Amino acid sequence: MHPMKHPRNVAILGIGFVSIGVLYALGAVPLGYDIEWAGVTMLGALGVAISIMAYVLIAGSSRD
């Protein structure tokens, strides 16, 4: 059995981390914090990396 019906749905994983980074960047100033651009960049990179990794693992899994 394939773990996901559509491997393209792994983009949801990446979108989750990227959206957390965007919310962090947009919410820091109104809450009185300084924006840590390194953190925003790392959350974006983490989202992309997790999406690619999950797609490769799911696409390479057996379909029995």
PDB file of N, CA and C in Angstrom:
ATOM      1  N   MET A   1       0.846  -1.182   0.000  1.00  0.00           N
ATOM      2  CA  MET A   1       0.000   0.000   0.000  1.00  0.00           C
ATOM      3  C   MET A   1       0.887   1.241   0.000  1.00  0.00           C
ATOM      4  N   HIS A   2       0.547   2.182  -0.818  1.00  0.00           N
ATOM      5  CA  HIS A   2       1.302   3.424  -0.923  1.00  0.00           C
ATOM      6  C   HIS A   2       0.968   4.321   0.263  1.00  0.00           C
ATOM      7  N   PRO A   3       1.979   4.933   0.920  1.00  0.00           N
ATOM      8  CA  PRO A   3       1.702   5.741   2.109  1.00  0.00           C
ATOM      9  C   PRO A   3       0.828   6.964   1.852  1.00  0.00           C
ATOM     10  N   MET A   4       0.882   7.504   0.667  1.00  0.00           N
ATOM     11  CA  MET A   4       0.030   8.642   0.317  1.00  0.00           C
ATOM     12  C   MET A   4      -0.578   8.376  -1.052  1.00  0.00           C
ATOM     13  N   LYS A   5      -1.813   8.777  -1.225  1.00  0.00           N
ATOM     14  CA  LYS A   5      -2.457   8.555  -2.515  1.00  0.00           C
ATOM     15  C   LYS A   5      -1.790   9.379  -3.609  1.00  0.00           C
ATOM     16  N   HIS A   6      -1.416  10.588  -3.284  1.00  0.00           N
ATOM     17  CA  HIS A   6      -0.781  11.476  -4.256  1.00  0.00           C
ATOM     18  C   HIS A   6       0.496  12.043  -3.643  1.00  0.00           C
ATOM     19  N   PRO A   7       1.659  11.627  -4.140  1.00  0.00           N
ATOM     20  CA  PRO A   7       2.911  12.126  -3.570  1.00  0.00           C
ATOM     21  C   PRO A   7       3.050  13.649  -3.654  1.00  0.00           C
ATOM     22  N   ARG A   8       2.335  14.286  -4.541  1.00  0.00           N
ATOM     23  CA  ARG A   8       2.441  15.747  -4.632  1.00  0.00           C
ATOM     24  C   ARG A   8       1.874  16.438  -3.398  1.00  0.00           C
ATOM     25  N   ASN A   9       1.127  15.704  -2.578  1.00  0.00           N
ATOM     26  CA  ASN A   9       0.565  16.292  -1.360  1.00  0.00           C
ATOM     27  C   ASN A   9       1.608  16.557  -0.290  1.00  0.00           C
ATOM     28  N   VAL A  10       2.841  16.101  -0.492  1.00  0.00           N
ATOM     29  CA  VAL A  10       3.875  16.383   0.501  1.00  0.00           C
ATOM     30  C   VAL A  10       4.231  17.863   0.526  1.00  0.00           C
ATOM     31  N   ALA A  11       3.776  18.611  -0.459  1.00  0.00           N
ATOM     32  CA  ALA A  11       4.011  20.055  -0.457  1.00  0.00           C
ATOM     33  C   ALA A  11       3.366  20.709   0.760  1.00  0.00           C
ATOM     34  N   ILE A  12       2.337  20.082   1.307  1.00  0.00           N
ATOM     35  CA  ILE A  12       1.683  20.620   2.500  1.00  0.00           C
ATOM     36  C   ILE A  12       2.667  20.685   3.663  1.00  0.00           C
ATOM     37  N   LEU A  13       3.559  19.707   3.753  1.00  0.00           N
ATOM     38  CA  LEU A  13       4.574  19.735   4.797  1.00  0.00           C
ATOM     39  C   LEU A  13       5.453  20.974   4.682  1.00  0.00           C
ATOM     40  N   GLY A  14       5.924  21.231   3.484  1.00  0.00           N
ATOM     41  CA  GLY A  14       6.781  22.396   3.267  1.00  0.00           C
ATOM     42  C   GLY A  14       6.047  23.702   3.452  1.00  0.00           C
ATOM     43  N   ILE A  15       4.820  23.756   2.986  1.00  0.00           N
ATOM     44  CA  ILE A  15       4.032  24.981   3.125  1.00  0.00           C
ATOM     45  C   ILE A  15       3.812  25.299   4.598  1.00  0.00           C
ATOM     46  N   GLY A  16       3.684  24.278   5.419  1.00  0.00           N
ATOM     47  CA  GLY A  16       3.512  24.497   6.855  1.00  0.00           C
ATOM     48  C   GLY A  16       4.695  25.244   7.466  1.00  0.00           C
ATOM     49  N   PHE A  17       5.916  24.788   7.167  1.00  0.00           N
ATOM     50  CA  PHE A  17       7.094  25.450   7.718  1.00  0.00           C
ATOM     51  C   PHE A  17       7.300  26.838   7.122  1.00  0.00           C
ATOM     52  N   VAL A  18       7.055  26.974   5.837  1.00  0.00           N
ATOM     53  CA  VAL A  18       7.201  28.291   5.213  1.00  0.00           C
ATOM     54  C   VAL A  18       6.178  29.266   5.788  1.00  0.00           C
ATOM     55  N   SER A  19       4.955  28.803   6.019  1.00  0.00           N
ATOM     56  CA  SER A  19       3.938  29.699   6.582  1.00  0.00           C
ATOM     57  C   SER A  19       4.278  30.084   8.023  1.00  0.00           C
ATOM     58  N   ILE A  20       4.882  29.175   8.784  1.00  0.00           N
ATOM     59  CA  ILE A  20       5.333  29.526  10.132  1.00  0.00           C
ATOM     60  C   ILE A  20       6.398  30.612  10.058  1.00  0.00           C
ATOM     61  N   GLY A  21       7.299  30.504   9.104  1.00  0.00           N
ATOM     62  CA  GLY A  21       8.322  31.534   8.929  1.00  0.00           C
ATOM     63  C   GLY A  21       7.731  32.878   8.555  1.00  0.00           C
ATOM     64  N   VAL A  22       6.734  32.866   7.682  1.00  0.00           N
ATOM     65  CA  VAL A  22       6.077  34.115   7.279  1.00  0.00           C
ATOM     66  C   VAL A  22       5.321  34.722   8.456  1.00  0.00           C
ATOM     67  N   LEU A  23       4.604  33.895   9.205  1.00  0.00           N
ATOM     68  CA  LEU A  23       3.898  34.400  10.383  1.00  0.00           C
ATOM     69  C   LEU A  23       4.863  34.963  11.414  1.00  0.00           C
ATOM     70  N   TYR A  24       5.997  34.326  11.563  1.00  0.00           N
ATOM     71  CA  TYR A  24       7.017  34.817  12.485  1.00  0.00           C
ATOM     72  C   TYR A  24       7.541  36.179  12.031  1.00  0.00           C
ATOM     73  N   ALA A  25       7.803  36.314  10.731  1.00  0.00           N
ATOM     74  CA  ALA A  25       8.321  37.577  10.214  1.00  0.00           C
ATOM     75  C   ALA A  25       7.284  38.690  10.312  1.00  0.00           C
ATOM     76  N   LEU A  26       6.022  38.375  10.033  1.00  0.00           N
ATOM     77  CA  LEU A  26       4.980  39.393  10.068  1.00  0.00           C
ATOM     78  C   LEU A  26       4.531  39.721  11.489  1.00  0.00           C
ATOM     79  N   GLY A  27       4.627  38.765  12.394  1.00  0.00           N
ATOM     80  CA  GLY A  27       4.131  38.984  13.741  1.00  0.00           C
ATOM     81  C   GLY A  27       5.165  39.531  14.709  1.00  0.00           C
ATOM     82  N   ALA A  28       6.432  39.542  14.333  1.00  0.00           N
ATOM     83  CA  ALA A  28       7.472  39.983  15.258  1.00  0.00           C
ATOM     84  C   ALA A  28       7.374  41.472  15.569  1.00  0.00           C
ATOM     85  N   VAL A  29       7.207  42.284  14.549  1.00  0.00           N
ATOM     86  CA  VAL A  29       7.192  43.737  14.751  1.00  0.00           C
ATOM     87  C   VAL A  29       5.984  44.193  15.577  1.00  0.00           C
ATOM     88  N   PRO A  30       4.746  43.758  15.268  1.00  0.00           N
ATOM     89  CA  PRO A  30       3.621  44.193  16.103  1.00  0.00           C
ATOM     90  C   PRO A  30       3.721  43.730  17.556  1.00  0.00           C
ATOM     91  N   LEU A  31       4.399  42.624  17.786  1.00  0.00           N
ATOM     92  CA  LEU A  31       4.551  42.127  19.150  1.00  0.00           C
ATOM     93  C   LEU A  31       5.759  42.728  19.865  1.00  0.00           C
ATOM     94  N   GLY A  32       6.506  43.570  19.185  1.00  0.00           N
ATOM     95  CA  GLY A  32       7.629  44.260  19.811  1.00  0.00           C
ATOM     96  C   GLY A  32       8.949  43.518  19.765  1.00  0.00           C
ATOM     97  N   TYR A  33       9.075  42.518  18.897  1.00  0.00           N
ATOM     98  CA  TYR A  33      10.315  41.772  18.780  1.00  0.00           C
ATOM     99  C   TYR A  33      11.063  42.198  17.525  1.00  0.00           C
ATOM    100  N   ASP A  34      12.367  41.967  17.530  1.00  0.00           N
ATOM    101  CA  ASP A  34      13.154  42.181  16.322  1.00  0.00           C
ATOM    102  C   ASP A  34      13.028  40.936  15.446  1.00  0.00           C
ATOM    103  N   ILE A  35      12.985  41.145  14.144  1.00  0.00           N
ATOM    104  CA  ILE A  35      12.888  40.018  13.218  1.00  0.00           C
ATOM    105  C   ILE A  35      14.263  39.383  13.077  1.00  0.00           C
ATOM    106  N   GLU A  36      14.336  38.105  13.328  1.00  0.00           N
ATOM    107  CA  GLU A  36      15.561  37.336  13.098  1.00  0.00           C
ATOM    108  C   GLU A  36      15.469  36.755  11.695  1.00  0.00           C
ATOM    109  N   TRP A  37      16.112  37.416  10.738  1.00  0.00           N
ATOM    110  CA  TRP A  37      16.006  36.980   9.350  1.00  0.00           C
ATOM    111  C   TRP A  37      16.644  35.618   9.124  1.00  0.00           C
ATOM    112  N   ALA A  38      17.623  35.281   9.946  1.00  0.00           N
ATOM    113  CA  ALA A  38      18.225  33.945   9.824  1.00  0.00           C
ATOM    114  C   ALA A  38      17.195  32.873  10.161  1.00  0.00           C
ATOM    115  N   GLY A  39      16.367  33.116  11.171  1.00  0.00           N
ATOM    116  CA  GLY A  39      15.325  32.163  11.527  1.00  0.00           C
ATOM    117  C   GLY A  39      14.278  32.021  10.448  1.00  0.00           C
ATOM    118  N   VAL A  40      13.888  33.143   9.858  1.00  0.00           N
ATOM    119  CA  VAL A  40      12.907  33.112   8.768  1.00  0.00           C
ATOM    120  C   VAL A  40      13.471  32.344   7.580  1.00  0.00           C
ATOM    121  N   THR A  41      14.739  32.605   7.259  1.00  0.00           N
ATOM    122  CA  THR A  41      15.380  31.918   6.144  1.00  0.00           C
ATOM    123  C   THR A  41      15.498  30.420   6.414  1.00  0.00           C
ATOM    124  N   MET A  42      15.874  30.064   7.627  1.00  0.00           N
ATOM    125  CA  MET A  42      16.015  28.646   7.960  1.00  0.00           C
ATOM    126  C   MET A  42      14.670  27.918   7.945  1.00  0.00           C
ATOM    127  N   LEU A  43      13.603  28.557   8.395  1.00  0.00           N
ATOM    128  CA  LEU A  43      12.291  27.916   8.323  1.00  0.00           C
ATOM    129  C   LEU A  43      11.870  27.704   6.870  1.00  0.00           C
ATOM    130  N   GLY A  44      12.169  28.665   6.006  1.00  0.00           N
ATOM    131  CA  GLY A  44      11.874  28.492   4.583  1.00  0.00           C
ATOM    132  C   GLY A  44      12.680  27.367   3.968  1.00  0.00           C
ATOM    133  N   ALA A  45      13.973  27.330   4.293  1.00  0.00           N
ATOM    134  CA  ALA A  45      14.830  26.262   3.764  1.00  0.00           C
ATOM    135  C   ALA A  45      14.408  24.902   4.311  1.00  0.00           C
ATOM    136  N   LEU A  46      14.006  24.860   5.575  1.00  0.00           N
ATOM    137  CA  LEU A  46      13.534  23.611   6.164  1.00  0.00           C
ATOM    138  C   LEU A  46      12.277  23.112   5.465  1.00  0.00           C
ATOM    139  N   GLY A  47      11.376  24.022   5.132  1.00  0.00           N
ATOM    140  CA  GLY A  47      10.167  23.630   4.412  1.00  0.00           C
ATOM    141  C   GLY A  47      10.472  23.035   3.053  1.00  0.00           C
ATOM    142  N   VAL A  48      11.385  23.652   2.332  1.00  0.00           N
ATOM    143  CA  VAL A  48      11.767  23.138   1.012  1.00  0.00           C
ATOM    144  C   VAL A  48      12.454  21.777   1.156  1.00  0.00           C
ATOM    145  N   ALA A  49      13.369  21.673   2.112  1.00  0.00           N
ATOM    146  CA  ALA A  49      14.106  20.416   2.286  1.00  0.00           C
ATOM    147  C   ALA A  49      13.190  19.269   2.710  1.00  0.00           C
ATOM    148  N   ILE A  50      12.263  19.531   3.616  1.00  0.00           N
ATOM    149  CA  ILE A  50      11.349  18.473   4.060  1.00  0.00           C
ATOM    150  C   ILE A  50      10.434  18.045   2.916  1.00  0.00           C
ATOM    151  N   SER A  51       9.986  18.993   2.111  1.00  0.00           N
ATOM    152  CA  SER A  51       9.133  18.634   0.975  1.00  0.00           C
ATOM    153  C   SER A  51       9.866  17.731  -0.007  1.00  0.00           C
ATOM    154  N   ILE A  52      11.094  18.095  -0.329  1.00  0.00           N
ATOM    155  CA  ILE A  52      11.876  17.287  -1.274  1.00  0.00           C
ATOM    156  C   ILE A  52      12.169  15.908  -0.681  1.00  0.00           C
ATOM    157  N   MET A  53      12.585  15.879   0.593  1.00  0.00           N
ATOM    158  CA  MET A  53      12.898  14.601   1.224  1.00  0.00           C
ATOM    159  C   MET A  53      11.673  13.694   1.286  1.00  0.00           C
ATOM    160  N   ALA A  54      10.543  14.230   1.692  1.00  0.00           N
ATOM    161  CA  ALA A  54       9.334  13.409   1.799  1.00  0.00           C
ATOM    162  C   ALA A  54       8.903  12.916   0.422  1.00  0.00           C
ATOM    163  N   TYR A  55       9.005  13.753  -0.593  1.00  0.00           N
ATOM    164  CA  TYR A  55       8.625  13.323  -1.934  1.00  0.00           C
ATOM    165  C   TYR A  55       9.524  12.182  -2.414  1.00  0.00           C
ATOM    166  N   VAL A  56      10.822  12.314  -2.196  1.00  0.00           N
ATOM    167  CA  VAL A  56      11.749  11.272  -2.639  1.00  0.00           C
ATOM    168  C   VAL A  56      11.480   9.967  -1.895  1.00  0.00           C
ATOM    169  N   LEU A  57      11.250  10.051  -0.589  1.00  0.00           N
ATOM    170  CA  LEU A  57      10.992   8.825   0.169  1.00  0.00           C
ATOM    171  C   LEU A  57       9.685   8.164  -0.238  1.00  0.00           C
ATOM    172  N   ILE A  58       8.662   8.945  -0.475  1.00  0.00           N
ATOM    173  CA  ILE A  58       7.371   8.376  -0.853  1.00  0.00           C
ATOM    174  C   ILE A  58       7.393   7.877  -2.295  1.00  0.00           C
ATOM    175  N   ALA A  59       8.036   8.638  -3.187  1.00  0.00           N
ATOM    176  CA  ALA A  59       8.098   8.201  -4.593  1.00  0.00           C
ATOM    177  C   ALA A  59       8.927   6.931  -4.739  1.00  0.00           C
ATOM    178  N   GLY A  60       9.916   6.731  -3.874  1.00  0.00           N
ATOM    179  CA  GLY A  60      10.764   5.548  -3.973  1.00  0.00           C
ATOM    180  C   GLY A  60      10.256   4.352  -3.196  1.00  0.00           C
ATOM    181  N   SER A  61       9.161   4.514  -2.458  1.00  0.00           N
ATOM    182  CA  SER A  61       8.657   3.392  -1.664  1.00  0.00           C
ATOM    183  C   SER A  61       7.938   2.387  -2.559  1.00  0.00           C
ATOM    184  N   SER A  62       7.840   1.173  -2.070  1.00  0.00           N
ATOM    185  CA  SER A  62       7.159   0.151  -2.862  1.00  0.00           C
ATOM    186  C   SER A  62       5.659   0.422  -2.898  1.00  0.00           C
ATOM    187  N   ARG A  63       5.040  -0.019  -3.954  1.00  0.00           N
ATOM    188  CA  ARG A  63       3.611   0.262  -4.141  1.00  0.00           C
ATOM    189  C   ARG A  63       2.782  -1.019  -3.984  1.00  0.00           C
ATOM    190  N   ASP A  64       3.184  -1.912  -3.113  1.00  0.00           N
ATOM    191  CA  ASP A  64       2.452  -3.181  -2.980  1.00  0.00           C
ATOM    192  C   ASP A  64       1.311  -3.111  -2.038  1.00  0.00           C
TER     193      ASP A  64
END
